[in-house]
Amino acid sequence: MGTGSLYARVMGDTWFRLAAPIRDLHSTASGTRAHGCLRVEHGHHRLARIIARTFPLPPPGVATRTELSVRALDDGERWQRAFGATRVDTHQSSNGIDLVERYGALEFRFRLHASEGRLVYRQREAALRLFAFRLRLPGYLAPHIEASEEAVAPRRVKIAVSITIPTIGVLIAYDGTIDVAETVA
């Protein structure tokens, strides 16, 4: 697995340009827990609503209780998010350059950037992945994720995530603050 946290390894020296609450969220060797309330909205396109119902995406809400648990694994990290009663689990790892996040058969690759203390995720590509088979999705088919994290208080981070699909528009977007609650031993 290497030394240091997954995000520190992916970011290299730019890791230290992030505000302390963001580093705290991503730096534990064994795991992290956080909680907060997020505003969740779905896109208005008919296909966006169908996709949101087909996949286990959280329902819209202005103050959705959200829990986050991050657990370190030998090959990366397991991110478990609970938006009210809806769970969204992903696996994060690195290919040596990018942060790689898998959600079911979808794989996203991000460059992580520090900008004025904030963490900005810049999506590089999306792919379908089944076992060793990987098919990169062309831009006109690929979901696009924009995400950022900003420190707003000690141990409190404001997050913003938007997932769009070409020709459909917004699939889901959520934003709000989370409090880093504890380090998991």
N, C-alpha and C. Protein backbone atom coordinates (compact mmCIF):
# COMPACT_ATOMS: atom_id res chain seq x y z
N MET A 1 0.81 -1.19 0.00
CA MET A 1 0.00 0.00 0.00
C MET A 1 0.85 1.25 0.00
N GLY A 2 2.05 1.21 0.45
CA GLY A 2 2.90 2.40 0.47
C GLY A 2 2.70 3.17 1.76
N THR A 3 3.44 4.26 1.91
CA THR A 3 3.35 5.05 3.13
C THR A 3 2.46 6.26 2.90
N GLY A 4 1.89 6.74 3.99
CA GLY A 4 1.03 7.91 3.91
C GLY A 4 -0.36 7.56 3.40
N SER A 5 -1.24 8.53 3.48
CA SER A 5 -2.61 8.30 3.04
C SER A 5 -2.69 8.24 1.52
N LEU A 6 -3.76 7.66 1.02
CA LEU A 6 -3.98 7.56 -0.42
C LEU A 6 -3.91 8.94 -1.06
N TYR A 7 -4.60 9.92 -0.51
CA TYR A 7 -4.64 11.25 -1.11
C TYR A 7 -3.27 11.93 -1.05
N ALA A 8 -2.55 11.76 0.05
CA ALA A 8 -1.19 12.33 0.15
C ALA A 8 -0.28 11.73 -0.91
N ARG A 9 -0.39 10.42 -1.14
CA ARG A 9 0.44 9.77 -2.15
C ARG A 9 0.09 10.26 -3.55
N VAL A 10 -1.20 10.41 -3.84
CA VAL A 10 -1.63 10.85 -5.17
C VAL A 10 -1.20 12.30 -5.41
N MET A 11 -1.30 13.15 -4.40
CA MET A 11 -1.03 14.58 -4.58
C MET A 11 0.44 14.95 -4.45
N GLY A 12 1.24 14.14 -3.81
CA GLY A 12 2.64 14.50 -3.63
C GLY A 12 2.79 15.76 -2.80
N ASP A 13 3.71 16.63 -3.21
CA ASP A 13 4.00 17.85 -2.43
C ASP A 13 2.82 18.81 -2.36
N THR A 14 1.90 18.75 -3.31
CA THR A 14 0.75 19.68 -3.27
C THR A 14 -0.21 19.35 -2.14
N TRP A 15 -0.09 18.16 -1.56
CA TRP A 15 -0.91 17.76 -0.41
C TRP A 15 -0.84 18.81 0.70
N PHE A 16 0.33 19.38 0.92
CA PHE A 16 0.53 20.32 2.01
C PHE A 16 -0.07 21.70 1.73
N ARG A 17 -0.58 21.92 0.53
CA ARG A 17 -1.27 23.18 0.20
C ARG A 17 -2.75 23.14 0.58
N LEU A 18 -3.23 21.96 1.00
CA LEU A 18 -4.63 21.83 1.42
C LEU A 18 -4.80 22.34 2.84
N ALA A 19 -5.96 22.89 3.14
CA ALA A 19 -6.27 23.33 4.50
C ALA A 19 -6.29 22.12 5.43
N ALA A 20 -5.95 22.34 6.68
CA ALA A 20 -5.83 21.25 7.66
C ALA A 20 -7.10 20.39 7.78
N PRO A 21 -8.31 20.96 7.82
CA PRO A 21 -9.49 20.09 7.94
C PRO A 21 -9.65 19.12 6.76
N ILE A 22 -9.23 19.53 5.58
CA ILE A 22 -9.31 18.63 4.43
C ILE A 22 -8.26 17.53 4.55
N ARG A 23 -7.06 17.89 4.97
CA ARG A 23 -6.03 16.87 5.19
C ARG A 23 -6.47 15.89 6.27
N ASP A 24 -7.11 16.42 7.34
CA ASP A 24 -7.61 15.55 8.41
C ASP A 24 -8.62 14.54 7.87
N LEU A 25 -9.50 14.99 6.99
CA LEU A 25 -10.52 14.11 6.42
C LEU A 25 -9.89 12.97 5.62
N HIS A 26 -8.76 13.24 4.97
CA HIS A 26 -8.16 12.28 4.06
C HIS A 26 -6.84 11.66 4.55
N SER A 27 -6.43 11.91 5.79
CA SER A 27 -5.08 11.49 6.15
C SER A 27 -4.97 10.32 7.11
N THR A 28 -6.04 9.82 7.62
CA THR A 28 -5.89 8.73 8.59
C THR A 28 -5.47 7.44 7.91
N ALA A 29 -4.61 6.72 8.57
CA ALA A 29 -4.11 5.47 8.01
C ALA A 29 -5.16 4.37 8.06
N SER A 30 -6.04 4.40 9.05
CA SER A 30 -7.01 3.31 9.19
C SER A 30 -8.42 3.70 8.77
N GLY A 31 -8.83 4.93 8.98
CA GLY A 31 -10.18 5.32 8.58
C GLY A 31 -10.65 6.61 9.20
N THR A 32 -11.77 7.08 8.71
CA THR A 32 -12.35 8.34 9.16
C THR A 32 -13.87 8.21 9.18
N ARG A 33 -14.51 8.97 10.06
CA ARG A 33 -15.97 9.09 10.06
C ARG A 33 -16.31 10.58 10.05
N ALA A 34 -17.40 10.89 9.34
CA ALA A 34 -17.87 12.28 9.30
C ALA A 34 -19.39 12.25 9.15
N HIS A 35 -20.02 13.36 9.49
CA HIS A 35 -21.47 13.47 9.36
C HIS A 35 -21.85 14.91 9.08
N GLY A 36 -23.03 15.09 8.52
CA GLY A 36 -23.53 16.44 8.24
C GLY A 36 -24.88 16.38 7.56
N CYS A 37 -25.30 17.52 7.06
CA CYS A 37 -26.55 17.62 6.31
C CYS A 37 -26.23 18.19 4.93
N LEU A 38 -26.74 17.54 3.90
CA LEU A 38 -26.46 17.97 2.54
C LEU A 38 -27.77 18.23 1.79
N ARG A 39 -27.70 19.18 0.90
CA ARG A 39 -28.80 19.43 -0.03
C ARG A 39 -28.56 18.52 -1.23
N VAL A 40 -29.56 17.72 -1.57
CA VAL A 40 -29.45 16.79 -2.70
C VAL A 40 -30.51 17.17 -3.71
N GLU A 41 -30.11 17.31 -4.98
CA GLU A 41 -31.09 17.57 -6.03
C GLU A 41 -30.83 16.69 -7.24
N HIS A 42 -31.89 16.38 -7.94
CA HIS A 42 -31.81 15.59 -9.17
C HIS A 42 -32.05 16.51 -10.35
N GLY A 43 -31.57 16.06 -11.51
CA GLY A 43 -31.83 16.79 -12.74
C GLY A 43 -33.30 16.69 -13.12
N HIS A 44 -33.73 17.57 -14.01
CA HIS A 44 -35.14 17.64 -14.40
C HIS A 44 -35.44 16.84 -15.66
N HIS A 45 -34.42 16.43 -16.39
CA HIS A 45 -34.65 15.66 -17.61
C HIS A 45 -35.26 14.30 -17.24
N ARG A 46 -36.18 13.86 -18.05
CA ARG A 46 -36.88 12.59 -17.78
C ARG A 46 -35.90 11.43 -17.62
N LEU A 47 -34.88 11.35 -18.49
CA LEU A 47 -33.90 10.26 -18.38
C LEU A 47 -33.08 10.36 -17.09
N ALA A 48 -32.80 11.57 -16.63
CA ALA A 48 -32.08 11.74 -15.36
C ALA A 48 -32.90 11.16 -14.22
N ARG A 49 -34.20 11.40 -14.22
CA ARG A 49 -35.07 10.86 -13.16
C ARG A 49 -35.12 9.33 -13.23
N ILE A 50 -35.17 8.78 -14.44
CA ILE A 50 -35.20 7.32 -14.59
C ILE A 50 -33.89 6.71 -14.09
N ILE A 51 -32.76 7.30 -14.46
CA ILE A 51 -31.45 6.79 -14.01
C ILE A 51 -31.35 6.88 -12.49
N ALA A 52 -31.81 7.98 -11.91
CA ALA A 52 -31.73 8.16 -10.46
C ALA A 52 -32.56 7.10 -9.73
N ARG A 53 -33.67 6.68 -10.31
CA ARG A 53 -34.49 5.62 -9.70
C ARG A 53 -33.88 4.24 -9.93
N THR A 54 -33.24 4.05 -11.08
CA THR A 54 -32.67 2.75 -11.43
C THR A 54 -31.45 2.42 -10.57
N PHE A 55 -30.58 3.40 -10.40
CA PHE A 55 -29.41 3.22 -9.55
C PHE A 55 -29.78 3.67 -8.14
N PRO A 56 -29.10 3.15 -7.14
CA PRO A 56 -29.44 3.56 -5.77
C PRO A 56 -28.87 4.95 -5.44
N LEU A 57 -29.43 5.98 -6.08
CA LEU A 57 -29.00 7.35 -5.79
C LEU A 57 -29.89 7.94 -4.72
N PRO A 58 -29.34 8.80 -3.87
CA PRO A 58 -30.15 9.38 -2.81
C PRO A 58 -31.28 10.25 -3.37
N PRO A 59 -32.43 10.26 -2.72
CA PRO A 59 -33.53 11.10 -3.18
C PRO A 59 -33.24 12.57 -2.91
N PRO A 60 -33.92 13.47 -3.62
CA PRO A 60 -33.73 14.90 -3.38
C PRO A 60 -34.15 15.27 -1.95
N GLY A 61 -33.50 16.28 -1.40
CA GLY A 61 -33.85 16.77 -0.07
C GLY A 61 -33.05 18.02 0.24
N VAL A 62 -33.62 18.91 1.04
CA VAL A 62 -32.92 20.16 1.37
C VAL A 62 -31.97 20.00 2.54
N ALA A 63 -32.19 19.00 3.39
CA ALA A 63 -31.31 18.78 4.55
C ALA A 63 -31.23 17.28 4.81
N THR A 64 -30.57 16.58 3.91
CA THR A 64 -30.45 15.13 4.02
C THR A 64 -29.34 14.78 4.99
N ARG A 65 -29.68 14.07 6.04
CA ARG A 65 -28.69 13.62 7.02
C ARG A 65 -27.71 12.69 6.30
N THR A 66 -26.42 12.98 6.41
CA THR A 66 -25.40 12.24 5.68
C THR A 66 -24.32 11.74 6.63
N GLU A 67 -23.95 10.48 6.46
CA GLU A 67 -22.87 9.86 7.23
C GLU A 67 -21.82 9.37 6.25
N LEU A 68 -20.56 9.53 6.61
CA LEU A 68 -19.45 9.07 5.78
C LEU A 68 -18.53 8.22 6.64
N SER A 69 -18.14 7.08 6.08
CA SER A 69 -17.15 6.23 6.72
C SER A 69 -16.11 5.86 5.67
N VAL A 70 -14.85 6.13 5.99
CA VAL A 70 -13.76 5.79 5.08
C VAL A 70 -12.88 4.77 5.80
N ARG A 71 -12.63 3.66 5.13
CA ARG A 71 -11.82 2.59 5.72
C ARG A 71 -10.66 2.29 4.80
N ALA A 72 -9.46 2.32 5.35
CA ALA A 72 -8.27 2.00 4.58
C ALA A 72 -8.21 0.50 4.31
N LEU A 73 -7.84 0.16 3.08
CA LEU A 73 -7.68 -1.23 2.65
C LEU A 73 -6.27 -1.39 2.08
N ASP A 74 -5.84 -2.61 1.86
CA ASP A 74 -4.51 -2.84 1.27
C ASP A 74 -4.39 -2.21 -0.11
N ASP A 75 -5.50 -2.18 -0.86
CA ASP A 75 -5.45 -1.68 -2.25
C ASP A 75 -6.12 -0.31 -2.41
N GLY A 76 -6.36 0.42 -1.33
CA GLY A 76 -6.99 1.74 -1.44
C GLY A 76 -7.86 2.05 -0.24
N GLU A 77 -9.04 2.58 -0.50
CA GLU A 77 -9.97 2.96 0.55
C GLU A 77 -11.40 2.60 0.14
N ARG A 78 -12.21 2.21 1.12
CA ARG A 78 -13.63 1.97 0.91
C ARG A 78 -14.37 3.17 1.48
N TRP A 79 -15.12 3.86 0.61
CA TRP A 79 -15.92 5.02 1.00
C TRP A 79 -17.38 4.58 1.07
N GLN A 80 -17.96 4.68 2.27
CA GLN A 80 -19.37 4.34 2.46
C GLN A 80 -20.10 5.61 2.88
N ARG A 81 -21.05 6.01 2.01
CA ARG A 81 -21.83 7.22 2.28
C ARG A 81 -23.28 6.80 2.50
N ALA A 82 -23.90 7.35 3.53
CA ALA A 82 -25.32 7.12 3.76
C ALA A 82 -26.01 8.48 3.69
N PHE A 83 -26.86 8.64 2.68
CA PHE A 83 -27.68 9.84 2.51
C PHE A 83 -29.06 9.45 3.02
N GLY A 84 -29.37 9.75 4.27
CA GLY A 84 -30.61 9.24 4.84
C GLY A 84 -30.55 7.72 4.82
N ALA A 85 -31.55 7.07 4.20
CA ALA A 85 -31.60 5.61 4.15
C ALA A 85 -30.87 5.03 2.94
N THR A 86 -30.34 5.87 2.06
CA THR A 86 -29.69 5.39 0.83
C THR A 86 -28.18 5.33 1.02
N ARG A 87 -27.61 4.16 0.72
CA ARG A 87 -26.17 3.98 0.83
C ARG A 87 -25.52 4.01 -0.54
N VAL A 88 -24.39 4.70 -0.63
CA VAL A 88 -23.60 4.75 -1.86
C VAL A 88 -22.17 4.38 -1.46
N ASP A 89 -21.70 3.23 -1.95
CA ASP A 89 -20.36 2.75 -1.62
C ASP A 89 -19.47 2.81 -2.85
N THR A 90 -18.25 3.30 -2.66
CA THR A 90 -17.27 3.32 -3.74
C THR A 90 -15.93 2.82 -3.22
N HIS A 91 -15.07 2.47 -4.15
CA HIS A 91 -13.71 2.06 -3.82
C HIS A 91 -12.77 3.06 -4.48
N GLN A 92 -11.84 3.61 -3.71
CA GLN A 92 -10.86 4.55 -4.24
C GLN A 92 -9.47 3.94 -4.14
N SER A 93 -8.68 4.18 -5.19
CA SER A 93 -7.30 3.70 -5.24
C SER A 93 -6.51 4.67 -6.12
N SER A 94 -5.32 4.28 -6.48
CA SER A 94 -4.49 5.11 -7.35
C SER A 94 -3.86 4.25 -8.43
N ASN A 95 -3.69 4.83 -9.61
CA ASN A 95 -2.95 4.16 -10.68
C ASN A 95 -1.52 4.69 -10.74
N GLY A 96 -1.10 5.41 -9.71
CA GLY A 96 0.24 5.99 -9.66
C GLY A 96 0.24 7.48 -9.98
N ILE A 97 -0.79 7.95 -10.67
CA ILE A 97 -0.90 9.37 -11.04
C ILE A 97 -2.24 9.95 -10.59
N ASP A 98 -3.30 9.21 -10.86
CA ASP A 98 -4.66 9.69 -10.61
C ASP A 98 -5.30 9.00 -9.41
N LEU A 99 -6.33 9.64 -8.87
CA LEU A 99 -7.23 8.98 -7.95
C LEU A 99 -8.23 8.22 -8.82
N VAL A 100 -8.42 6.95 -8.54
CA VAL A 100 -9.33 6.10 -9.31
C VAL A 100 -10.48 5.73 -8.38
N GLU A 101 -11.70 6.05 -8.80
CA GLU A 101 -12.87 5.73 -7.98
C GLU A 101 -13.81 4.83 -8.77
N ARG A 102 -14.20 3.72 -8.14
CA ARG A 102 -15.12 2.77 -8.77
C ARG A 102 -16.45 2.76 -8.04
N TYR A 103 -17.51 2.84 -8.84
CA TYR A 103 -18.88 2.72 -8.35
C TYR A 103 -19.55 1.67 -9.21
N GLY A 104 -19.66 0.46 -8.69
CA GLY A 104 -20.16 -0.65 -9.49
C GLY A 104 -19.25 -0.88 -10.68
N ALA A 105 -19.82 -0.89 -11.88
CA ALA A 105 -19.02 -1.12 -13.10
C ALA A 105 -18.44 0.16 -13.67
N LEU A 106 -18.72 1.31 -13.04
CA LEU A 106 -18.19 2.59 -13.53
C LEU A 106 -16.88 2.92 -12.82
N GLU A 107 -15.92 3.41 -13.59
CA GLU A 107 -14.64 3.83 -13.03
C GLU A 107 -14.37 5.26 -13.49
N PHE A 108 -13.97 6.09 -12.54
CA PHE A 108 -13.63 7.49 -12.83
C PHE A 108 -12.20 7.74 -12.39
N ARG A 109 -11.48 8.53 -13.18
CA ARG A 109 -10.10 8.91 -12.83
C ARG A 109 -10.04 10.42 -12.69
N PHE A 110 -9.41 10.85 -11.59
CA PHE A 110 -9.33 12.26 -11.26
C PHE A 110 -7.89 12.68 -11.00
N ARG A 111 -7.57 13.91 -11.39
CA ARG A 111 -6.37 14.59 -10.90
C ARG A 111 -6.83 15.41 -9.71
N LEU A 112 -6.07 15.37 -8.64
CA LEU A 112 -6.39 16.12 -7.44
C LEU A 112 -5.53 17.37 -7.40
N HIS A 113 -6.18 18.51 -7.20
CA HIS A 113 -5.47 19.80 -7.18
C HIS A 113 -5.80 20.57 -5.91
N ALA A 114 -4.78 21.24 -5.40
CA ALA A 114 -4.98 22.17 -4.29
C ALA A 114 -5.11 23.56 -4.88
N SER A 115 -6.16 24.27 -4.50
CA SER A 115 -6.40 25.63 -4.98
C SER A 115 -6.85 26.49 -3.82
N GLU A 116 -5.96 27.35 -3.35
CA GLU A 116 -6.26 28.24 -2.22
C GLU A 116 -6.76 27.46 -1.02
N GLY A 117 -6.12 26.34 -0.72
CA GLY A 117 -6.47 25.50 0.42
C GLY A 117 -7.57 24.49 0.13
N ARG A 118 -8.28 24.65 -0.99
CA ARG A 118 -9.37 23.76 -1.37
C ARG A 118 -8.82 22.54 -2.10
N LEU A 119 -9.61 21.46 -2.09
CA LEU A 119 -9.30 20.28 -2.88
C LEU A 119 -10.27 20.25 -4.06
N VAL A 120 -9.72 20.20 -5.26
CA VAL A 120 -10.53 20.18 -6.48
C VAL A 120 -10.24 18.87 -7.22
N TYR A 121 -11.30 18.17 -7.55
CA TYR A 121 -11.21 16.91 -8.31
C TYR A 121 -11.44 17.25 -9.77
N ARG A 122 -10.46 16.98 -10.62
CA ARG A 122 -10.60 17.21 -12.06
C ARG A 122 -10.68 15.87 -12.77
N GLN A 123 -11.86 15.55 -13.27
CA GLN A 123 -12.05 14.26 -13.92
C GLN A 123 -11.26 14.19 -15.22
N ARG A 124 -10.53 13.12 -15.39
CA ARG A 124 -9.75 12.89 -16.60
C ARG A 124 -10.46 11.96 -17.57
N GLU A 125 -11.14 10.95 -17.02
CA GLU A 125 -11.84 10.01 -17.89
C GLU A 125 -12.82 9.18 -17.08
N ALA A 126 -13.69 8.49 -17.83
CA ALA A 126 -14.64 7.55 -17.25
C ALA A 126 -14.58 6.28 -18.08
N ALA A 127 -14.86 5.15 -17.44
CA ALA A 127 -14.79 3.86 -18.14
C ALA A 127 -15.78 2.88 -17.53
N LEU A 128 -16.11 1.87 -18.30
CA LEU A 128 -16.82 0.71 -17.79
C LEU A 128 -15.77 -0.32 -17.43
N ARG A 129 -15.91 -0.93 -16.27
CA ARG A 129 -14.89 -1.88 -15.81
C ARG A 129 -15.57 -3.12 -15.26
N LEU A 130 -15.25 -4.25 -15.85
CA LEU A 130 -15.71 -5.55 -15.36
C LEU A 130 -14.50 -6.45 -15.24
N PHE A 131 -14.12 -6.72 -14.00
CA PHE A 131 -12.92 -7.51 -13.71
C PHE A 131 -11.72 -6.86 -14.41
N ALA A 132 -10.99 -7.57 -15.26
CA ALA A 132 -9.83 -7.00 -15.93
C ALA A 132 -10.20 -6.23 -17.19
N PHE A 133 -11.42 -6.36 -17.66
CA PHE A 133 -11.87 -5.67 -18.88
C PHE A 133 -12.21 -4.22 -18.55
N ARG A 134 -11.63 -3.29 -19.32
CA ARG A 134 -11.87 -1.86 -19.10
C ARG A 134 -12.13 -1.20 -20.45
N LEU A 135 -13.27 -0.52 -20.56
CA LEU A 135 -13.63 0.17 -21.79
C LEU A 135 -13.80 1.65 -21.48
N ARG A 136 -12.88 2.46 -21.99
CA ARG A 136 -12.96 3.91 -21.78
C ARG A 136 -14.17 4.45 -22.53
N LEU A 137 -14.96 5.28 -21.84
CA LEU A 137 -16.15 5.86 -22.45
C LEU A 137 -15.78 7.15 -23.18
N PRO A 138 -16.26 7.32 -24.41
CA PRO A 138 -16.01 8.58 -25.12
C PRO A 138 -16.74 9.72 -24.41
N GLY A 139 -16.21 10.92 -24.54
CA GLY A 139 -16.76 12.08 -23.85
C GLY A 139 -18.24 12.29 -24.05
N TYR A 140 -18.76 11.98 -25.24
CA TYR A 140 -20.17 12.22 -25.49
C TYR A 140 -21.08 11.21 -24.79
N LEU A 141 -20.52 10.15 -24.19
CA LEU A 141 -21.29 9.17 -23.42
C LEU A 141 -20.99 9.20 -21.93
N ALA A 142 -19.85 9.73 -21.58
CA ALA A 142 -19.34 9.61 -20.21
C ALA A 142 -20.01 10.57 -19.24
N PRO A 143 -20.43 10.04 -18.08
CA PRO A 143 -20.85 10.95 -17.01
C PRO A 143 -19.66 11.82 -16.62
N HIS A 144 -19.94 13.06 -16.23
CA HIS A 144 -18.87 13.98 -15.82
C HIS A 144 -19.12 14.43 -14.39
N ILE A 145 -18.08 14.31 -13.57
CA ILE A 145 -18.18 14.67 -12.16
C ILE A 145 -17.33 15.90 -11.89
N GLU A 146 -17.94 16.89 -11.25
CA GLU A 146 -17.21 18.05 -10.73
C GLU A 146 -17.35 18.00 -9.22
N ALA A 147 -16.22 18.11 -8.51
CA ALA A 147 -16.26 18.00 -7.06
C ALA A 147 -15.18 18.88 -6.43
N SER A 148 -15.50 19.38 -5.24
CA SER A 148 -14.52 20.17 -4.49
C SER A 148 -14.82 20.07 -3.00
N GLU A 149 -13.78 20.36 -2.22
CA GLU A 149 -13.89 20.39 -0.76
C GLU A 149 -13.20 21.66 -0.28
N GLU A 150 -13.84 22.33 0.68
CA GLU A 150 -13.30 23.57 1.21
C GLU A 150 -13.47 23.59 2.72
N ALA A 151 -12.40 23.93 3.44
CA ALA A 151 -12.47 24.03 4.89
C ALA A 151 -13.27 25.27 5.27
N VAL A 152 -14.22 25.11 6.20
CA VAL A 152 -15.01 26.25 6.66
C VAL A 152 -14.88 26.47 8.16
N ALA A 153 -14.32 25.50 8.86
CA ALA A 153 -14.07 25.61 10.30
C ALA A 153 -13.15 24.44 10.67
N PRO A 154 -12.55 24.49 11.87
CA PRO A 154 -11.75 23.33 12.27
C PRO A 154 -12.63 22.07 12.26
N ARG A 155 -12.19 21.05 11.56
CA ARG A 155 -12.86 19.76 11.45
C ARG A 155 -14.20 19.83 10.72
N ARG A 156 -14.46 20.91 9.97
CA ARG A 156 -15.68 21.04 9.16
C ARG A 156 -15.27 21.36 7.73
N VAL A 157 -15.86 20.60 6.79
CA VAL A 157 -15.53 20.73 5.37
C VAL A 157 -16.81 20.91 4.57
N LYS A 158 -16.79 21.89 3.69
CA LYS A 158 -17.90 22.10 2.75
C LYS A 158 -17.59 21.30 1.50
N ILE A 159 -18.56 20.48 1.07
CA ILE A 159 -18.36 19.68 -0.13
C ILE A 159 -19.39 20.07 -1.17
N ALA A 160 -19.01 19.92 -2.43
CA ALA A 160 -19.92 20.17 -3.55
C ALA A 160 -19.60 19.14 -4.63
N VAL A 161 -20.63 18.41 -5.07
CA VAL A 161 -20.47 17.39 -6.10
C VAL A 161 -21.61 17.54 -7.10
N SER A 162 -21.28 17.50 -8.38
CA SER A 162 -22.28 17.54 -9.44
C SER A 162 -21.92 16.50 -10.48
N ILE A 163 -22.90 15.67 -10.83
CA ILE A 163 -22.71 14.65 -11.85
C ILE A 163 -23.66 14.97 -13.00
N THR A 164 -23.07 15.17 -14.18
CA THR A 164 -23.86 15.47 -15.36
C THR A 164 -23.64 14.40 -16.42
N ILE A 165 -24.60 14.29 -17.33
CA ILE A 165 -24.51 13.35 -18.44
C ILE A 165 -24.76 14.16 -19.72
N PRO A 166 -23.89 13.99 -20.72
CA PRO A 166 -24.08 14.74 -21.97
C PRO A 166 -25.50 14.56 -22.52
N THR A 167 -26.04 15.61 -23.05
CA THR A 167 -27.39 15.74 -23.63
C THR A 167 -28.52 15.62 -22.61
N ILE A 168 -28.24 15.12 -21.40
CA ILE A 168 -29.27 15.02 -20.36
C ILE A 168 -29.13 16.16 -19.36
N GLY A 169 -27.90 16.52 -19.05
CA GLY A 169 -27.65 17.55 -18.04
C GLY A 169 -27.39 16.93 -16.69
N VAL A 170 -27.81 17.64 -15.64
CA VAL A 170 -27.55 17.20 -14.27
C VAL A 170 -28.27 15.89 -13.99
N LEU A 171 -27.52 14.92 -13.47
CA LEU A 171 -28.11 13.69 -12.97
C LEU A 171 -28.43 13.87 -11.49
N ILE A 172 -27.40 14.25 -10.73
CA ILE A 172 -27.54 14.50 -9.30
C ILE A 172 -26.48 15.51 -8.89
N ALA A 173 -26.82 16.32 -7.92
CA ALA A 173 -25.87 17.26 -7.33
C ALA A 173 -26.14 17.29 -5.83
N TYR A 174 -25.07 17.41 -5.06
CA TYR A 174 -25.26 17.58 -3.62
C TYR A 174 -24.17 18.48 -3.07
N ASP A 175 -24.53 19.22 -2.02
CA ASP A 175 -23.57 20.11 -1.38
C ASP A 175 -24.00 20.36 0.05
N GLY A 176 -23.05 20.81 0.85
CA GLY A 176 -23.29 21.11 2.25
C GLY A 176 -22.02 20.90 3.04
N THR A 177 -22.15 20.82 4.36
CA THR A 177 -20.97 20.67 5.21
C THR A 177 -21.02 19.34 5.96
N ILE A 178 -19.83 18.81 6.20
CA ILE A 178 -19.68 17.63 7.03
C ILE A 178 -18.66 17.93 8.11
N ASP A 179 -18.86 17.31 9.25
CA ASP A 179 -17.93 17.44 10.37
C ASP A 179 -17.17 16.14 10.51
N VAL A 180 -15.85 16.25 10.55
CA VAL A 180 -15.01 15.07 10.75
C VAL A 180 -15.17 14.70 12.21
N ALA A 181 -15.76 13.53 12.44
CA ALA A 181 -16.18 13.16 13.80
C ALA A 181 -15.10 12.45 14.60
N GLU A 182 -14.41 11.53 13.97
CA GLU A 182 -13.45 10.73 14.74
C GLU A 182 -12.51 10.00 13.81
N THR A 183 -11.44 9.57 14.36
CA THR A 183 -10.52 8.70 13.65
C THR A 183 -10.82 7.28 14.07
N VAL A 184 -10.93 6.38 13.13
CA VAL A 184 -11.21 4.98 13.43
C VAL A 184 -9.90 4.27 13.71
N ALA A 185 -9.82 3.62 14.83
CA ALA A 185 -8.56 2.93 15.19
C ALA A 185 -8.45 1.59 14.50
